[in-house]
């Protein structure tokens, strides 16, 4: 009897962990978006008020995530060599799995960074940050709804699976 009980609990816990990994995917995406927003705010502060170049800011910023650092590195290369927004958007979508609207907002930095004065750059970066935050909040709300649903379903699926197997 204790074997069936422990097997029942083990199946429920296993299914719960499977759903947890599904939820972690969205959590990582939200975390990446938050860090890119933080970097853009940092960029705005140091570009407009401190008059630092993107390269100096890139090396000074303390990255929490390697994929965000790679995106910022590609942005630096694109600013120096050629402004290819589509390539940056594609890289963001493939490496960070962020929404297309968010990627476009961040890639817009390539259009105006380094070609405008401090006040105009400040306004454009502020607008970009607002757009990125708006997109992130929509994604985060959607993700939280899915996460809550997955958490509820995981227990039911775990119990059903355990009953079927036992």
C-alpha atoms as a PDB file:
ATOM      1  CA  UNK A   1       0.000   0.000   0.000  1.00  0.00           C
ATOM      2  CA  UNK A   2       2.791   2.419   0.872  1.00  0.00           C
ATOM      3  CA  UNK A   3       4.373   1.732  -2.538  1.00  0.00           C
ATOM      4  CA  UNK A   4       1.204   2.823  -4.313  1.00  0.00           C
ATOM      5  CA  UNK A   5       0.948   5.938  -2.142  1.00  0.00           C
ATOM      6  CA  UNK A   6       4.554   6.934  -2.699  1.00  0.00           C
ATOM      7  CA  UNK A   7       4.248   6.223  -6.429  1.00  0.00           C
ATOM      8  CA  UNK A   8       1.095   8.363  -6.534  1.00  0.00           C
ATOM      9  CA  UNK A   9       2.871  11.301  -4.862  1.00  0.00           C
ATOM     10  CA  UNK A  10       5.980  10.832  -7.009  1.00  0.00           C
ATOM     11  CA  UNK A  11       3.943  11.020 -10.233  1.00  0.00           C
ATOM     12  CA  UNK A  12       2.155  14.171  -9.045  1.00  0.00           C
ATOM     13  CA  UNK A  13       5.463  15.844  -8.128  1.00  0.00           C
ATOM     14  CA  UNK A  14       7.035  14.820 -11.454  1.00  0.00           C
ATOM     15  CA  UNK A  15       4.173  16.306 -13.464  1.00  0.00           C
ATOM     16  CA  UNK A  16       4.318  19.464 -11.328  1.00  0.00           C
ATOM     17  CA  UNK A  17       8.049  19.852 -12.149  1.00  0.00           C
ATOM     18  CA  UNK A  18       7.392  19.392 -15.856  1.00  0.00           C
ATOM     19  CA  UNK A  19       4.922  22.266 -15.745  1.00  0.00           C
ATOM     20  CA  UNK A  20       7.395  24.290 -13.675  1.00  0.00           C
ATOM     21  CA  UNK A  21       9.968  24.040 -16.465  1.00  0.00           C
ATOM     22  CA  UNK A  22       7.363  25.233 -18.960  1.00  0.00           C
ATOM     23  CA  UNK A  23       6.703  28.251 -16.724  1.00  0.00           C
ATOM     24  CA  UNK A  24      10.427  28.961 -16.306  1.00  0.00           C
ATOM     25  CA  UNK A  25      10.715  29.618 -20.042  1.00  0.00           C
ATOM     26  CA  UNK A  26       8.377  32.623 -19.750  1.00  0.00           C
ATOM     27  CA  UNK A  27      10.047  33.798 -16.545  1.00  0.00           C
ATOM     28  CA  UNK A  28      13.432  33.891 -18.305  1.00  0.00           C
ATOM     29  CA  UNK A  29      11.919  35.872 -21.162  1.00  0.00           C
ATOM     30  CA  UNK A  30      10.456  38.443 -18.737  1.00  0.00           C
ATOM     31  CA  UNK A  31      13.802  38.626 -16.927  1.00  0.00           C
ATOM     32  CA  UNK A  32      15.624  39.274 -20.222  1.00  0.00           C
ATOM     33  CA  UNK A  33      13.165  42.006 -21.151  1.00  0.00           C
ATOM     34  CA  UNK A  34      13.567  43.685 -17.753  1.00  0.00           C
ATOM     35  CA  UNK A  35      17.337  43.672 -18.095  1.00  0.00           C
ATOM     36  CA  UNK A  36      17.190  45.148 -21.604  1.00  0.00           C
ATOM     37  CA  UNK A  37      14.915  47.892 -20.269  1.00  0.00           C
ATOM     38  CA  UNK A  38      17.391  48.518 -17.439  1.00  0.00           C
ATOM     39  CA  UNK A  39      20.224  48.680 -19.966  1.00  0.00           C
ATOM     40  CA  UNK A  40      18.266  51.158 -22.108  1.00  0.00           C
ATOM     41  CA  UNK A  41      17.639  53.351 -19.050  1.00  0.00           C
ATOM     42  CA  UNK A  42      21.333  53.100 -18.212  1.00  0.00           C
ATOM     43  CA  UNK A  43      22.149  54.007 -21.812  1.00  0.00           C
ATOM     44  CA  UNK A  44      19.847  57.021 -21.621  1.00  0.00           C
ATOM     45  CA  UNK A  45      21.403  58.258 -18.394  1.00  0.00           C
ATOM     46  CA  UNK A  46      25.034  57.845 -19.413  1.00  0.00           C
ATOM     47  CA  UNK A  47      24.594  58.951 -23.041  1.00  0.00           C
ATOM     48  CA  UNK A  48      22.539  62.048 -22.441  1.00  0.00           C
ATOM     49  CA  UNK A  49      23.755  63.303 -19.090  1.00  0.00           C
ATOM     50  CA  UNK A  50      27.291  61.936 -18.867  1.00  0.00           C
ATOM     51  CA  UNK A  51      28.028  62.191 -22.626  1.00  0.00           C
ATOM     52  CA  UNK A  52      29.555  58.707 -22.785  1.00  0.00           C
ATOM     53  CA  UNK A  53      29.756  56.667 -25.987  1.00  0.00           C
ATOM     54  CA  UNK A  54      27.823  53.436 -26.447  1.00  0.00           C
ATOM     55  CA  UNK A  55      31.079  51.484 -26.302  1.00  0.00           C
ATOM     56  CA  UNK A  56      32.017  52.964 -22.910  1.00  0.00           C
ATOM     57  CA  UNK A  57      28.533  52.280 -21.603  1.00  0.00           C
ATOM     58  CA  UNK A  58      28.595  48.729 -22.954  1.00  0.00           C
ATOM     59  CA  UNK A  59      31.785  47.918 -21.039  1.00  0.00           C
ATOM     60  CA  UNK A  60      30.695  49.727 -17.880  1.00  0.00           C
ATOM     61  CA  UNK A  61      27.253  48.112 -17.509  1.00  0.00           C
ATOM     62  CA  UNK A  62      27.001  45.175 -15.099  1.00  0.00           C
ATOM     63  CA  UNK A  63      25.188  42.423 -17.039  1.00  0.00           C
ATOM     64  CA  UNK A  64      23.164  39.808 -15.185  1.00  0.00           C
ATOM     65  CA  UNK A  65      22.490  37.660 -18.224  1.00  0.00           C
ATOM     66  CA  UNK A  66      24.863  36.551 -20.969  1.00  0.00           C
ATOM     67  CA  UNK A  67      22.240  36.682 -23.731  1.00  0.00           C
ATOM     68  CA  UNK A  68      21.535  40.353 -22.949  1.00  0.00           C
ATOM     69  CA  UNK A  69      25.260  41.048 -23.102  1.00  0.00           C
ATOM     70  CA  UNK A  70      25.417  39.366 -26.520  1.00  0.00           C
ATOM     71  CA  UNK A  71      22.506  41.467 -27.798  1.00  0.00           C
ATOM     72  CA  UNK A  72      24.168  44.658 -26.565  1.00  0.00           C
ATOM     73  CA  UNK A  73      27.441  43.547 -28.163  1.00  0.00           C
ATOM     74  CA  UNK A  74      25.722  43.010 -31.512  1.00  0.00           C
ATOM     75  CA  UNK A  75      24.087  46.425 -31.118  1.00  0.00           C
ATOM     76  CA  UNK A  76      27.551  47.926 -30.645  1.00  0.00           C
ATOM     77  CA  UNK A  77      28.826  46.180 -33.788  1.00  0.00           C
ATOM     78  CA  UNK A  78      25.803  47.320 -35.784  1.00  0.00           C
ATOM     79  CA  UNK A  79      26.311  50.910 -34.644  1.00  0.00           C
ATOM     80  CA  UNK A  80      29.972  50.812 -35.680  1.00  0.00           C
ATOM     81  CA  UNK A  81      29.717  48.952 -38.991  1.00  0.00           C
ATOM     82  CA  UNK A  82      26.241  49.065 -40.396  1.00  0.00           C
ATOM     83  CA  UNK A  83      22.806  49.574 -39.016  1.00  0.00           C
ATOM     84  CA  UNK A  84      20.973  46.346 -39.785  1.00  0.00           C
ATOM     85  CA  UNK A  85      17.866  46.361 -37.584  1.00  0.00           C
ATOM     86  CA  UNK A  86      16.445  43.168 -39.059  1.00  0.00           C
ATOM     87  CA  UNK A  87      19.516  41.168 -38.079  1.00  0.00           C
ATOM     88  CA  UNK A  88      19.353  42.488 -34.516  1.00  0.00           C
ATOM     89  CA  UNK A  89      15.617  41.758 -34.263  1.00  0.00           C
ATOM     90  CA  UNK A  90      16.165  38.245 -35.593  1.00  0.00           C
ATOM     91  CA  UNK A  91      18.984  37.600 -33.133  1.00  0.00           C
ATOM     92  CA  UNK A  92      16.852  38.828 -30.234  1.00  0.00           C
ATOM     93  CA  UNK A  93      13.983  36.603 -31.273  1.00  0.00           C
ATOM     94  CA  UNK A  94      16.217  33.544 -31.634  1.00  0.00           C
ATOM     95  CA  UNK A  95      18.395  33.963 -28.548  1.00  0.00           C
ATOM     96  CA  UNK A  96      16.051  35.575 -26.033  1.00  0.00           C
ATOM     97  CA  UNK A  97      12.618  34.573 -27.393  1.00  0.00           C
ATOM     98  CA  UNK A  98      11.215  38.036 -26.700  1.00  0.00           C
ATOM     99  CA  UNK A  99       8.092  39.320 -28.494  1.00  0.00           C
ATOM    100  CA  UNK A 100       8.524  40.895 -31.927  1.00  0.00           C
ATOM    101  CA  UNK A 101       7.140  44.262 -30.820  1.00  0.00           C
ATOM    102  CA  UNK A 102       9.688  44.418 -27.995  1.00  0.00           C
ATOM    103  CA  UNK A 103      12.519  43.527 -30.388  1.00  0.00           C
ATOM    104  CA  UNK A 104      11.488  46.262 -32.812  1.00  0.00           C
ATOM    105  CA  UNK A 105      11.421  48.861 -30.032  1.00  0.00           C
ATOM    106  CA  UNK A 106      14.940  47.971 -28.910  1.00  0.00           C
ATOM    107  CA  UNK A 107      16.265  47.766 -32.481  1.00  0.00           C
ATOM    108  CA  UNK A 108      14.954  51.287 -33.159  1.00  0.00           C
ATOM    109  CA  UNK A 109      17.914  52.513 -31.108  1.00  0.00           C
ATOM    110  CA  UNK A 110      20.063  51.782 -34.167  1.00  0.00           C
ATOM    111  CA  UNK A 111      18.102  54.363 -36.171  1.00  0.00           C
ATOM    112  CA  UNK A 112      18.735  57.355 -33.980  1.00  0.00           C
ATOM    113  CA  UNK A 113      21.578  56.600 -31.582  1.00  0.00           C
ATOM    114  CA  UNK A 114      24.615  58.790 -32.267  1.00  0.00           C
ATOM    115  CA  UNK A 115      22.880  60.955 -34.857  1.00  0.00           C
ATOM    116  CA  UNK A 116      20.909  63.297 -32.602  1.00  0.00           C
ATOM    117  CA  UNK A 117      21.589  65.782 -29.838  1.00  0.00           C
ATOM    118  CA  UNK A 118      21.295  64.977 -26.157  1.00  0.00           C
ATOM    119  CA  UNK A 119      17.757  66.329 -25.647  1.00  0.00           C
ATOM    120  CA  UNK A 120      16.377  64.600 -28.722  1.00  0.00           C
ATOM    121  CA  UNK A 121      18.214  61.385 -27.854  1.00  0.00           C
ATOM    122  CA  UNK A 122      16.896  61.588 -24.292  1.00  0.00           C
ATOM    123  CA  UNK A 123      13.320  61.953 -25.558  1.00  0.00           C
ATOM    124  CA  UNK A 124      13.689  59.133 -28.075  1.00  0.00           C
ATOM    125  CA  UNK A 125      15.253  56.779 -25.531  1.00  0.00           C
ATOM    126  CA  UNK A 126      12.490  57.658 -23.046  1.00  0.00           C
ATOM    127  CA  UNK A 127       9.892  56.816 -25.668  1.00  0.00           C
ATOM    128  CA  UNK A 128      11.689  53.562 -26.488  1.00  0.00           C
ATOM    129  CA  UNK A 129      11.763  52.587 -22.811  1.00  0.00           C
ATOM    130  CA  UNK A 130       8.024  53.283 -22.483  1.00  0.00           C
ATOM    131  CA  UNK A 131       7.286  51.152 -25.537  1.00  0.00           C
ATOM    132  CA  UNK A 132       9.470  48.330 -24.232  1.00  0.00           C
ATOM    133  CA  UNK A 133       7.844  48.499 -20.777  1.00  0.00           C
ATOM    134  CA  UNK A 134       4.378  48.444 -22.312  1.00  0.00           C
ATOM    135  CA  UNK A 135       5.195  45.374 -24.380  1.00  0.00           C
ATOM    136  CA  UNK A 136       6.838  43.681 -21.406  1.00  0.00           C
ATOM    137  CA  UNK A 137       3.802  44.301 -19.179  1.00  0.00           C
ATOM    138  CA  UNK A 138       1.463  42.813 -21.795  1.00  0.00           C
ATOM    139  CA  UNK A 139       3.696  39.770 -22.124  1.00  0.00           C
ATOM    140  CA  UNK A 140       4.105  39.468 -18.350  1.00  0.00           C
ATOM    141  CA  UNK A 141       0.334  39.608 -17.756  1.00  0.00           C
ATOM    142  CA  UNK A 142      -0.244  36.984 -20.426  1.00  0.00           C
ATOM    143  CA  UNK A 143       2.542  34.825 -19.005  1.00  0.00           C
ATOM    144  CA  UNK A 144       1.177  35.094 -15.450  1.00  0.00           C
ATOM    145  CA  UNK A 145      -2.266  33.992 -16.630  1.00  0.00           C
ATOM    146  CA  UNK A 146      -0.729  30.997 -18.418  1.00  0.00           C
ATOM    147  CA  UNK A 147       1.411  30.253 -15.388  1.00  0.00           C
ATOM    148  CA  UNK A 148      -1.591  30.239 -13.036  1.00  0.00           C
ATOM    149  CA  UNK A 149      -3.512  27.997 -15.411  1.00  0.00           C
ATOM    150  CA  UNK A 150      -0.528  25.639 -15.750  1.00  0.00           C
ATOM    151  CA  UNK A 151      -0.168  25.446 -11.967  1.00  0.00           C
ATOM    152  CA  UNK A 152      -3.829  24.475 -11.593  1.00  0.00           C
ATOM    153  CA  UNK A 153      -3.729  22.006 -14.449  1.00  0.00           C
ATOM    154  CA  UNK A 154      -0.490  20.379 -13.276  1.00  0.00           C
ATOM    155  CA  UNK A 155      -2.061  19.041 -10.079  1.00  0.00           C
ATOM    156  CA  UNK A 156      -5.079  17.707 -11.965  1.00  0.00           C
ATOM    157  CA  UNK A 157      -2.971  16.102 -14.686  1.00  0.00           C
ATOM    158  CA  UNK A 158      -0.644  14.664 -12.045  1.00  0.00           C
ATOM    159  CA  UNK A 159      -3.529  13.114 -10.131  1.00  0.00           C
ATOM    160  CA  UNK A 160      -5.142  11.777 -13.293  1.00  0.00           C
ATOM    161  CA  UNK A 161      -1.859  10.296 -14.503  1.00  0.00           C
ATOM    162  CA  UNK A 162      -1.201   8.728 -11.113  1.00  0.00           C
ATOM    163  CA  UNK A 163      -4.696   7.206 -10.982  1.00  0.00           C
ATOM    164  CA  UNK A 164      -4.307   5.777 -14.487  1.00  0.00           C
ATOM    165  CA  UNK A 165      -0.901   4.243 -13.725  1.00  0.00           C
ATOM    166  CA  UNK A 166      -1.850   2.872 -10.327  1.00  0.00           C
END
